[in-house]
């Protein structure tokens, strides 16, 4: 077995088989054929590369649909058990296309959007307006007006000024608009600083101590119907402890608000974590639903109030595990790195270890999460299997940034070479949606695979697309 590389993070174990696919991080329908090449949804990755090129986002459609169905079933079952029912919102910001909107609509999920663009895609995908919620800390007047005019299911009030803005829009349209109030509970979820959204010192929501006064202002406007409170403690959260504490704080406020008017719903948000590596211990949707339902039932009983309708926003758990990204290897460098002096050998000379830098044809333009959050990912050789000794690798992108990394650390067969295909799993959420044109690189296409067939969901951008937005193209002829 390969000796552990001292440059590897402590959590990363040397694999007994560098070709093995850990079911915890790969989509349900990712396998290897008899030659060792990867298939996703029954489609050989070589066929995908030949047809669409790389980088390429690949969505295992059956896996995505199954996760959407599981989310609705799990929360519906558990909330019905405690005498209520569930509204489950798919996070449009994770990944949204018209096809995806249709999938989640067919699964009976609502959709959460936070911009005019996301709203347009959801509507174009056939999601009814009354099953869409609108988030955001700085909704434009035009966005609010459009949402009200089409009878959007709920607008989440994020600041005091939005109370008047939404009410005025509803007055102009002769409507009564459903609204929720986003509250910062002060529950500090165990997640990256930039992913924690219930801290007091951040841009979202109304502080818990100010929420009752804000609700009174909402109820004072006849154009608004107060649905209930909304909480979101962060993203990529493992376990239910944070949600349980947030639920306790929210339900105490919910109970006090019931004394002065109806509060039919409570939205506890989401942000449930997924496994990006083999050591991530993500709870199942069934476990999460059961734990949250139990604490809500217990708290409602303690407070002597009926269990409200519960709304949840599972977040990335539907999209992320269903997606993978394919890359083509370009260059490889073995970089000698001096290990810290504390690990020097008895001779007094510092040890030197080798990290293999494998550069691919994408990078931070198609997966910004590694640069943003130092997020960990896994990687596997996709076009073949190999019995070569495993080597510690770092998958780097092609951009002119030293921080342009896709996979910080994993083991691949040491004979990885230029032209090989690599697959990075769990990229179905917050990769395409955060993609950019940095260094004037076009955004990759997105394809869905299912039962041996592939279809295009989002067309990749070409150089012609990039030039088409440049107002200087043809300007010389115009001036002449």
Protein backbone atom coordinates (compact mmCIF):
# COMPACT_ATOMS: atom_id res chain seq x y z
CA UNK A 1 0.00 0.00 0.00
CA UNK A 2 1.17 3.53 -0.75
CA UNK A 3 2.87 5.35 2.11
CA UNK A 4 0.89 8.42 3.20
CA UNK A 5 2.28 11.64 1.77
CA UNK A 6 3.15 14.10 4.58
CA UNK A 7 1.65 16.91 2.49
CA UNK A 8 -1.78 15.27 2.61
CA UNK A 9 -4.32 16.66 5.07
CA UNK A 10 -4.76 14.53 8.19
CA UNK A 11 -8.27 13.42 7.20
CA UNK A 12 -7.26 12.08 3.78
CA UNK A 13 -6.43 8.39 3.80
CA UNK A 14 -4.44 6.64 1.13
CA UNK A 15 -7.00 4.60 -0.82
CA UNK A 16 -6.56 0.86 -1.14
CA UNK A 17 -7.91 1.31 -4.67
CA UNK A 18 -7.49 4.72 -6.32
CA UNK A 19 -10.18 3.76 -8.86
CA UNK A 20 -12.92 3.03 -6.30
CA UNK A 21 -16.06 5.17 -6.29
CA UNK A 22 -17.33 6.04 -2.82
CA UNK A 23 -21.12 5.85 -2.93
CA UNK A 24 -21.30 8.71 -0.43
CA UNK A 25 -19.94 11.22 -2.95
CA UNK A 26 -20.87 9.90 -6.38
CA UNK A 27 -24.32 10.10 -7.93
CA UNK A 28 -26.37 6.94 -7.68
CA UNK A 29 -25.92 6.00 -11.34
CA UNK A 30 -22.17 6.47 -11.66
CA UNK A 31 -20.33 3.21 -12.40
CA UNK A 32 -17.32 1.82 -14.24
CA UNK A 33 -17.56 -0.45 -17.25
CA UNK A 34 -15.52 -3.61 -17.86
CA UNK A 35 -12.55 -1.56 -19.09
CA UNK A 36 -12.61 0.71 -16.03
CA UNK A 37 -14.03 3.75 -17.81
CA UNK A 38 -16.67 5.80 -16.02
CA UNK A 39 -20.33 5.83 -16.99
CA UNK A 40 -22.81 8.36 -15.62
CA UNK A 41 -26.47 7.57 -16.09
CA UNK A 42 -25.39 4.78 -18.40
CA UNK A 43 -23.49 7.15 -20.72
CA UNK A 44 -19.73 6.60 -21.20
CA UNK A 45 -17.78 9.72 -20.27
CA UNK A 46 -15.76 9.40 -23.49
CA UNK A 47 -18.99 9.82 -25.46
CA UNK A 48 -19.87 12.90 -23.43
CA UNK A 49 -16.43 14.38 -24.07
CA UNK A 50 -16.62 13.63 -27.79
CA UNK A 51 -20.04 15.27 -28.12
CA UNK A 52 -19.84 18.21 -25.75
CA UNK A 53 -16.15 18.69 -24.94
CA UNK A 54 -14.74 19.55 -21.53
CA UNK A 55 -15.11 21.07 -19.03
CA UNK A 56 -18.62 19.66 -18.83
CA UNK A 57 -21.20 19.64 -16.05
CA UNK A 58 -23.06 16.32 -16.00
CA UNK A 59 -26.33 15.89 -14.08
CA UNK A 60 -27.54 12.41 -13.20
CA UNK A 61 -31.20 13.12 -13.87
CA UNK A 62 -32.63 10.04 -12.18
CA UNK A 63 -30.58 10.76 -9.06
CA UNK A 64 -31.69 14.39 -9.00
CA UNK A 65 -35.35 13.47 -9.40
CA UNK A 66 -35.08 10.79 -6.70
CA UNK A 67 -33.58 13.28 -4.24
CA UNK A 68 -36.32 15.81 -4.97
CA UNK A 69 -38.97 13.17 -4.38
CA UNK A 70 -37.23 12.00 -1.21
CA UNK A 71 -37.09 15.54 0.18
CA UNK A 72 -40.81 16.05 -0.23
CA UNK A 73 -41.70 12.58 1.03
CA UNK A 74 -39.45 12.75 4.11
CA UNK A 75 -40.65 16.11 5.37
CA UNK A 76 -44.28 15.45 4.46
CA UNK A 77 -44.24 12.14 6.32
CA UNK A 78 -42.61 13.51 9.46
CA UNK A 79 -44.69 16.69 9.69
CA UNK A 80 -47.90 14.76 9.09
CA UNK A 81 -46.82 12.53 11.97
CA UNK A 82 -46.89 15.57 14.30
CA UNK A 83 -50.21 16.87 12.95
CA UNK A 84 -49.07 19.33 10.32
CA UNK A 85 -47.85 19.34 6.75
CA UNK A 86 -44.77 20.53 4.89
CA UNK A 87 -43.88 22.96 2.16
CA UNK A 88 -40.52 22.07 0.63
CA UNK A 89 -38.68 24.70 -1.41
CA UNK A 90 -35.98 23.87 -3.95
CA UNK A 91 -33.11 26.40 -3.87
CA UNK A 92 -32.99 27.99 -7.30
CA UNK A 93 -29.60 29.52 -6.53
CA UNK A 94 -28.04 26.03 -6.26
CA UNK A 95 -28.71 25.28 -9.92
CA UNK A 96 -31.66 26.29 -12.03
CA UNK A 97 -32.59 25.71 -15.64
CA UNK A 98 -36.00 25.35 -17.22
CA UNK A 99 -35.63 21.55 -17.23
CA UNK A 100 -34.63 21.49 -13.57
CA UNK A 101 -37.58 23.75 -12.73
CA UNK A 102 -39.86 21.25 -14.44
CA UNK A 103 -38.29 18.35 -12.52
CA UNK A 104 -38.84 19.91 -9.11
CA UNK A 105 -42.34 21.01 -10.08
CA UNK A 106 -43.18 17.43 -11.07
CA UNK A 107 -41.81 16.28 -7.72
CA UNK A 108 -44.26 18.60 -5.95
CA UNK A 109 -41.64 21.02 -4.63
CA UNK A 110 -41.95 24.77 -4.41
CA UNK A 111 -39.09 26.92 -5.70
CA UNK A 112 -37.12 29.60 -3.89
CA UNK A 113 -35.71 32.42 -6.05
CA UNK A 114 -33.88 35.63 -5.19
CA UNK A 115 -33.56 37.56 -8.46
CA UNK A 116 -35.60 38.53 -11.49
CA UNK A 117 -33.53 36.11 -13.57
CA UNK A 118 -34.18 33.13 -11.32
CA UNK A 119 -37.87 34.00 -11.27
CA UNK A 120 -37.96 34.12 -15.07
CA UNK A 121 -36.34 30.68 -15.37
CA UNK A 122 -38.69 29.13 -12.80
CA UNK A 123 -41.74 30.51 -14.59
CA UNK A 124 -40.40 29.45 -17.99
CA UNK A 125 -39.92 25.95 -16.57
CA UNK A 126 -43.62 25.79 -15.69
CA UNK A 127 -43.53 26.40 -11.94
CA UNK A 128 -46.82 28.09 -10.91
CA UNK A 129 -46.32 31.56 -9.45
CA UNK A 130 -48.15 30.61 -6.26
CA UNK A 131 -45.51 27.91 -5.57
CA UNK A 132 -42.57 30.34 -5.72
CA UNK A 133 -40.97 32.22 -2.83
CA UNK A 134 -38.83 35.34 -3.31
CA UNK A 135 -35.82 35.89 -1.05
CA UNK A 136 -33.10 38.51 -1.03
CA UNK A 137 -31.77 41.37 1.08
CA UNK A 138 -32.03 44.00 -1.69
CA UNK A 139 -34.95 43.24 -3.96
CA UNK A 140 -35.42 45.97 -6.53
CA UNK A 141 -38.68 47.87 -6.82
CA UNK A 142 -39.16 46.28 -10.24
CA UNK A 143 -38.64 42.78 -8.83
CA UNK A 144 -41.13 43.40 -6.03
CA UNK A 145 -43.66 44.84 -8.45
CA UNK A 146 -43.38 41.87 -10.80
CA UNK A 147 -43.66 39.37 -7.95
CA UNK A 148 -46.82 40.99 -6.65
CA UNK A 149 -48.34 41.41 -10.11
CA UNK A 150 -48.15 37.68 -10.90
CA UNK A 151 -49.47 36.51 -7.53
CA UNK A 152 -46.24 35.09 -6.15
CA UNK A 153 -46.73 32.60 -3.34
CA UNK A 154 -44.64 34.45 -0.77
CA UNK A 155 -42.19 37.32 -0.51
CA UNK A 156 -39.69 37.13 2.33
CA UNK A 157 -39.41 40.52 4.01
CA UNK A 158 -35.73 41.05 4.79
CA UNK A 159 -35.70 44.65 6.10
CA UNK A 160 -38.14 47.20 7.46
CA UNK A 161 -38.16 49.26 4.26
CA UNK A 162 -39.40 46.23 2.32
CA UNK A 163 -42.62 46.20 4.34
CA UNK A 164 -43.65 49.49 2.77
CA UNK A 165 -42.29 48.61 -0.66
CA UNK A 166 -44.21 45.34 -0.88
CA UNK A 167 -47.35 46.90 0.58
CA UNK A 168 -47.29 49.76 -1.92
CA UNK A 169 -46.83 47.35 -4.82
CA UNK A 170 -49.77 45.28 -3.58
CA UNK A 171 -51.90 48.45 -3.23
CA UNK A 172 -51.14 49.45 -6.83
CA UNK A 173 -52.18 46.01 -8.08
CA UNK A 174 -55.21 45.70 -5.85
CA UNK A 175 -53.76 42.57 -4.29
CA UNK A 176 -53.10 41.09 -0.87
CA UNK A 177 -49.55 39.72 -0.87
CA UNK A 178 -48.39 36.82 1.31
CA UNK A 179 -45.18 37.67 3.17
CA UNK A 180 -42.80 36.07 5.62
CA UNK A 181 -40.39 37.90 7.92
CA UNK A 182 -36.78 36.74 7.94
CA UNK A 183 -35.33 36.73 11.44
CA UNK A 184 -31.71 36.31 12.52
CA UNK A 185 -31.85 33.91 15.45
CA UNK A 186 -28.25 34.29 16.60
CA UNK A 187 -27.69 30.54 16.23
CA UNK A 188 -24.15 30.13 14.97
CA UNK A 189 -24.11 27.08 12.74
CA UNK A 190 -20.89 25.12 12.42
CA UNK A 191 -19.97 26.12 8.89
CA UNK A 192 -17.73 28.48 6.94
CA UNK A 193 -17.92 32.11 8.10
CA UNK A 194 -19.32 33.22 4.74
CA UNK A 195 -22.00 30.51 4.81
CA UNK A 196 -23.36 31.34 8.27
CA UNK A 197 -26.47 33.48 7.80
CA UNK A 198 -27.98 33.77 11.28
CA UNK A 199 -25.18 35.75 12.91
CA UNK A 200 -26.16 39.16 14.21
CA UNK A 201 -23.42 40.99 12.26
CA UNK A 202 -24.46 40.21 8.68
CA UNK A 203 -26.71 41.48 5.94
CA UNK A 204 -29.75 39.19 6.19
CA UNK A 205 -32.92 39.56 8.20
CA UNK A 206 -34.29 41.35 11.25
CA UNK A 207 -32.78 40.77 14.73
CA UNK A 208 -34.90 38.51 16.90
CA UNK A 209 -35.55 41.27 19.45
CA UNK A 210 -36.97 43.57 16.75
CA UNK A 211 -39.14 41.00 15.02
CA UNK A 212 -42.36 41.53 16.99
CA UNK A 213 -42.42 45.24 16.14
CA UNK A 214 -41.78 44.44 12.48
CA UNK A 215 -44.67 41.96 12.45
CA UNK A 216 -46.93 44.63 13.93
CA UNK A 217 -46.00 46.91 11.02
CA UNK A 218 -46.78 44.14 8.54
CA UNK A 219 -50.16 43.47 10.12
CA UNK A 220 -50.95 47.18 10.02
CA UNK A 221 -50.92 47.08 6.22
CA UNK A 222 -54.14 45.54 4.84
CA UNK A 223 -52.34 44.80 1.57
CA UNK A 224 -50.13 42.24 3.32
CA UNK A 225 -50.95 38.82 4.75
CA UNK A 226 -48.45 37.64 7.36
CA UNK A 227 -47.69 33.97 6.79
CA UNK A 228 -45.07 33.58 9.49
CA UNK A 229 -41.44 33.81 10.43
CA UNK A 230 -38.48 32.67 8.41
CA UNK A 231 -35.09 31.49 9.69
CA UNK A 232 -31.98 30.38 7.85
CA UNK A 233 -28.92 29.57 9.91
CA UNK A 234 -26.48 28.82 7.10
CA UNK A 235 -25.33 26.33 4.50
CA UNK A 236 -23.45 23.02 4.41
CA UNK A 237 -24.60 22.19 7.95
CA UNK A 238 -24.27 18.64 9.30
CA UNK A 239 -26.69 17.34 11.93
CA UNK A 240 -29.78 18.90 13.47
CA UNK A 241 -28.45 20.64 16.61
CA UNK A 242 -28.39 24.10 15.04
CA UNK A 243 -31.86 23.68 13.57
CA UNK A 244 -33.22 22.47 16.87
CA UNK A 245 -31.96 25.53 18.74
CA UNK A 246 -33.21 27.87 16.00
CA UNK A 247 -36.62 26.16 16.12
CA UNK A 248 -36.85 26.70 19.89
CA UNK A 249 -36.10 30.41 19.57
CA UNK A 250 -38.41 30.87 16.61
CA UNK A 251 -41.29 29.00 18.19
CA UNK A 252 -41.13 31.12 21.34
CA UNK A 253 -41.52 34.21 19.16
CA UNK A 254 -44.16 32.42 17.06
CA UNK A 255 -46.16 31.67 20.23
CA UNK A 256 -46.06 35.29 21.39
CA UNK A 257 -47.23 36.49 17.96
CA UNK A 258 -50.20 34.12 18.10
CA UNK A 259 -51.55 36.21 20.98
CA UNK A 260 -52.19 39.13 18.61
CA UNK A 261 -53.05 37.44 15.33
CA UNK A 262 -52.79 34.37 13.12
CA UNK A 263 -49.39 32.87 12.29
CA UNK A 264 -50.19 29.93 10.02
CA UNK A 265 -46.67 28.91 9.04
CA UNK A 266 -43.08 28.68 10.20
CA UNK A 267 -40.17 28.46 7.76
CA UNK A 268 -37.05 26.93 9.34
CA UNK A 269 -34.90 27.32 6.23
CA UNK A 270 -32.38 24.65 5.43
CA UNK A 271 -28.81 24.53 4.22
CA UNK A 272 -28.41 20.83 4.96
CA UNK A 273 -24.90 19.55 4.27
CA UNK A 274 -23.73 16.98 1.75
CA UNK A 275 -20.65 14.76 1.62
CA UNK A 276 -17.96 16.22 -0.63
CA UNK A 277 -15.32 13.73 0.58
CA UNK A 278 -15.31 10.27 2.11
CA UNK A 279 -14.96 11.64 5.65
CA UNK A 280 -17.97 13.97 5.52
CA UNK A 281 -20.80 12.59 7.66
CA UNK A 282 -23.97 14.04 6.18
CA UNK A 283 -27.30 13.13 7.76
CA UNK A 284 -29.96 11.66 5.49
CA UNK A 285 -33.06 13.65 4.62
CA UNK A 286 -35.11 11.18 6.61
CA UNK A 287 -32.95 11.75 9.72
CA UNK A 288 -33.09 15.52 9.33
CA UNK A 289 -36.85 15.54 8.84
CA UNK A 290 -37.40 13.30 11.86
CA UNK A 291 -35.15 15.36 14.13
CA UNK A 292 -36.67 18.69 13.15
CA UNK A 293 -40.23 17.35 13.46
CA UNK A 294 -39.51 15.97 16.92
CA UNK A 295 -38.17 19.24 18.30
CA UNK A 296 -41.02 21.25 16.74
CA UNK A 297 -43.62 18.91 18.23
CA UNK A 298 -41.93 19.01 21.64
CA UNK A 299 -41.65 22.80 21.70
CA UNK A 300 -45.21 23.35 20.51
CA UNK A 301 -46.45 21.05 23.27
CA UNK A 302 -44.35 22.91 25.85
CA UNK A 303 -45.68 26.25 24.66
CA UNK A 304 -49.26 25.01 24.39
CA UNK A 305 -49.68 26.02 20.75
CA UNK A 306 -50.78 24.10 17.64
CA UNK A 307 -48.08 22.88 15.31
CA UNK A 308 -47.94 25.31 12.37
CA UNK A 309 -47.43 24.45 8.72
CA UNK A 310 -43.69 23.89 8.37
CA UNK A 311 -41.70 25.15 5.41
CA UNK A 312 -38.13 24.01 4.75
CA UNK A 313 -35.46 24.77 2.14
CA UNK A 314 -33.22 21.70 1.77
CA UNK A 315 -30.72 23.58 -0.39
CA UNK A 316 -27.88 21.75 -2.08
CA UNK A 317 -28.85 18.23 -0.96
CA UNK A 318 -30.96 17.75 -4.09
CA UNK A 319 -28.67 19.19 -6.76
CA UNK A 320 -25.11 18.81 -5.46
CA UNK A 321 -24.74 15.01 -5.25
CA UNK A 322 -26.44 14.52 -8.62
CA UNK A 323 -23.80 16.52 -10.50
CA UNK A 324 -20.23 15.84 -11.60
CA UNK A 325 -17.76 17.82 -13.71
CA UNK A 326 -15.56 16.32 -16.39
CA UNK A 327 -12.15 17.79 -17.22
CA UNK A 328 -9.28 16.93 -19.58
CA UNK A 329 -5.76 16.82 -18.18
CA UNK A 330 -3.33 19.23 -19.80
CA UNK A 331 -0.04 19.42 -17.92
CA UNK A 332 1.46 17.64 -14.92
CA UNK A 333 4.19 18.85 -12.59
CA UNK A 334 5.82 17.08 -9.68
CA UNK A 335 6.60 19.82 -7.16
CA UNK A 336 9.08 19.16 -4.35
CA UNK A 337 7.89 20.73 -1.10
CA UNK A 338 9.92 21.08 2.09
CA UNK A 339 8.10 19.59 5.04
CA UNK A 340 8.07 21.73 8.21
CA UNK A 341 11.28 21.71 10.25
CA UNK A 342 9.58 20.00 13.19
CA UNK A 343 9.42 16.91 11.01
CA UNK A 344 13.12 17.02 10.09
CA UNK A 345 14.94 13.71 10.15
CA UNK A 346 17.70 12.96 12.77
CA UNK A 347 20.40 14.27 10.44
CA UNK A 348 18.89 17.73 10.78
CA UNK A 349 17.91 17.95 7.14
CA UNK A 350 14.28 18.87 6.41
CA UNK A 351 12.32 16.20 4.58
CA UNK A 352 11.14 16.84 1.06
CA UNK A 353 7.82 15.50 -0.23
CA UNK A 354 6.33 15.63 -3.70
CA UNK A 355 2.93 16.97 -4.63
CA UNK A 356 1.73 16.21 -8.14
CA UNK A 357 0.01 19.23 -9.74
CA UNK A 358 -2.43 18.07 -12.39
CA UNK A 359 -3.74 20.96 -14.48
CA UNK A 360 -7.07 20.72 -16.27
CA UNK A 361 -8.94 22.74 -18.87
CA UNK A 362 -11.29 24.44 -16.39
CA UNK A 363 -10.82 25.84 -12.91
CA UNK A 364 -12.17 28.64 -10.76
CA UNK A 365 -14.37 29.87 -13.62
CA UNK A 366 -16.47 26.69 -13.41
CA UNK A 367 -15.96 25.89 -9.70
CA UNK A 368 -15.34 28.93 -7.52
CA UNK A 369 -16.07 27.14 -4.23
CA UNK A 370 -12.52 25.91 -3.67
CA UNK A 371 -11.13 29.44 -4.02
CA UNK A 372 -13.99 31.02 -2.03
CA UNK A 373 -14.23 28.59 0.88
CA UNK A 374 -11.23 26.25 0.59
CA UNK A 375 -13.87 23.64 -0.10
CA UNK A 376 -12.67 20.05 -0.34
CA UNK A 377 -13.55 17.87 -3.34
CA UNK A 378 -12.70 14.39 -4.53
CA UNK A 379 -11.45 13.34 -7.96
CA UNK A 380 -11.15 10.13 -9.97
CA UNK A 381 -9.60 9.08 -13.25
CA UNK A 382 -12.60 8.78 -15.58
CA UNK A 383 -11.53 7.41 -18.96
CA UNK A 384 -9.74 4.33 -17.60
CA UNK A 385 -8.75 2.44 -14.48
CA UNK A 386 -5.15 1.97 -13.42
CA UNK A 387 -3.26 -0.24 -11.00
CA UNK A 388 -0.40 2.28 -10.68
CA UNK A 389 0.62 3.29 -7.18
CA UNK A 390 -1.53 6.11 -5.82
CA UNK A 391 0.00 9.59 -5.79
CA UNK A 392 -1.10 12.69 -3.90
CA UNK A 393 -2.45 15.19 -6.41
CA UNK A 394 -3.71 18.74 -6.46
CA UNK A 395 -6.05 19.52 -9.36
CA UNK A 396 -5.31 23.00 -10.68
CA UNK A 397 -7.16 25.11 -13.22
CA UNK A 398 -5.90 27.01 -16.24
CA UNK A 399 -6.46 30.54 -14.91
CA UNK A 400 -3.72 33.02 -14.04
CA UNK A 401 -4.24 32.77 -10.28
CA UNK A 402 -2.21 30.71 -7.81
CA UNK A 403 -5.47 30.06 -5.94
CA UNK A 404 -7.07 28.57 -9.04
CA UNK A 405 -7.54 25.09 -7.61
CA UNK A 406 -10.36 22.60 -8.10
CA UNK A 407 -9.31 19.77 -5.77
CA UNK A 408 -6.94 20.63 -2.94
CA UNK A 409 -5.89 17.08 -2.16
CA UNK A 410 -6.75 13.56 -3.23
CA UNK A 411 -5.01 10.45 -4.49
CA UNK A 412 -4.99 9.39 -8.15
CA UNK A 413 -3.10 6.61 -9.89
CA UNK A 414 0.45 7.90 -10.34
CA UNK A 415 0.38 7.28 -14.10
CA UNK A 416 -2.23 10.00 -14.73
CA UNK A 417 -1.17 11.69 -17.95
CA UNK A 418 -2.09 14.50 -20.36
CA UNK A 419 -5.27 13.69 -22.26
CA UNK A 420 -6.81 11.69 -19.44
CA UNK A 421 -10.35 12.55 -18.37
CA UNK A 422 -10.94 13.39 -14.71
CA UNK A 423 -14.29 13.50 -12.93
CA UNK A 424 -15.01 15.61 -9.85
CA UNK A 425 -18.23 14.62 -8.03
CA UNK A 426 -20.75 16.67 -6.02
CA UNK A 427 -20.58 19.71 -8.31
CA UNK A 428 -24.30 19.92 -9.08
CA UNK A 429 -24.86 22.92 -6.77
CA UNK A 430 -23.15 26.30 -6.65
CA UNK A 431 -20.73 25.50 -9.46
CA UNK A 432 -22.56 26.41 -12.66
CA UNK A 433 -24.52 29.09 -10.77
CA UNK A 434 -21.27 30.69 -9.51
CA UNK A 435 -19.41 30.27 -12.80
CA UNK A 436 -17.76 33.23 -14.51
CA UNK A 437 -15.95 34.35 -17.64
CA UNK A 438 -12.69 35.00 -15.85
CA UNK A 439 -9.81 35.20 -18.35
CA UNK A 440 -12.53 35.29 -21.03
CA UNK A 441 -13.29 31.60 -20.65
CA UNK A 442 -16.78 30.56 -21.70
CA UNK A 443 -19.05 28.89 -19.18
CA UNK A 444 -19.27 25.12 -19.82
CA UNK A 445 -22.40 23.37 -21.03
CA UNK A 446 -24.66 21.35 -18.75
CA UNK A 447 -26.02 17.97 -19.84
CA UNK A 448 -28.47 15.58 -18.22
CA UNK A 449 -27.85 11.85 -18.50
CA UNK A 450 -30.39 9.12 -17.92
CA UNK A 451 -30.84 5.52 -19.03
CA UNK A 452 -27.94 5.68 -21.48
CA UNK A 453 -29.00 8.93 -23.13
CA UNK A 454 -27.69 12.49 -22.80
CA UNK A 455 -29.45 15.77 -23.52
CA UNK A 456 -28.31 19.35 -23.35
CA UNK A 457 -29.75 21.46 -20.51
CA UNK A 458 -27.68 24.61 -20.90
CA UNK A 459 -25.62 25.46 -23.97
CA UNK A 460 -21.96 26.20 -23.37
CA UNK A 461 -20.64 29.65 -24.19
CA UNK A 462 -18.40 30.19 -27.20
CA UNK A 463 -15.86 32.88 -28.05
CA UNK A 464 -18.54 34.33 -30.36
CA UNK A 465 -20.85 34.65 -27.34
CA UNK A 466 -18.18 36.54 -25.42
CA UNK A 467 -17.41 38.87 -28.33
CA UNK A 468 -21.11 39.50 -28.96
CA UNK A 469 -21.35 41.43 -25.70
CA UNK A 470 -18.34 43.60 -26.45
CA UNK A 471 -19.67 46.97 -27.60
CA UNK A 472 -16.32 47.77 -29.20
CA UNK A 473 -16.74 45.09 -31.85
CA UNK A 474 -17.63 46.89 -35.08
CA UNK A 475 -17.25 50.31 -33.47
CA UNK A 476 -14.50 51.27 -35.91
CA UNK A 477 -16.83 50.82 -38.86
CA UNK A 478 -19.61 52.74 -37.09
CA UNK A 479 -17.33 55.72 -36.42
CA UNK A 480 -16.10 55.70 -40.03
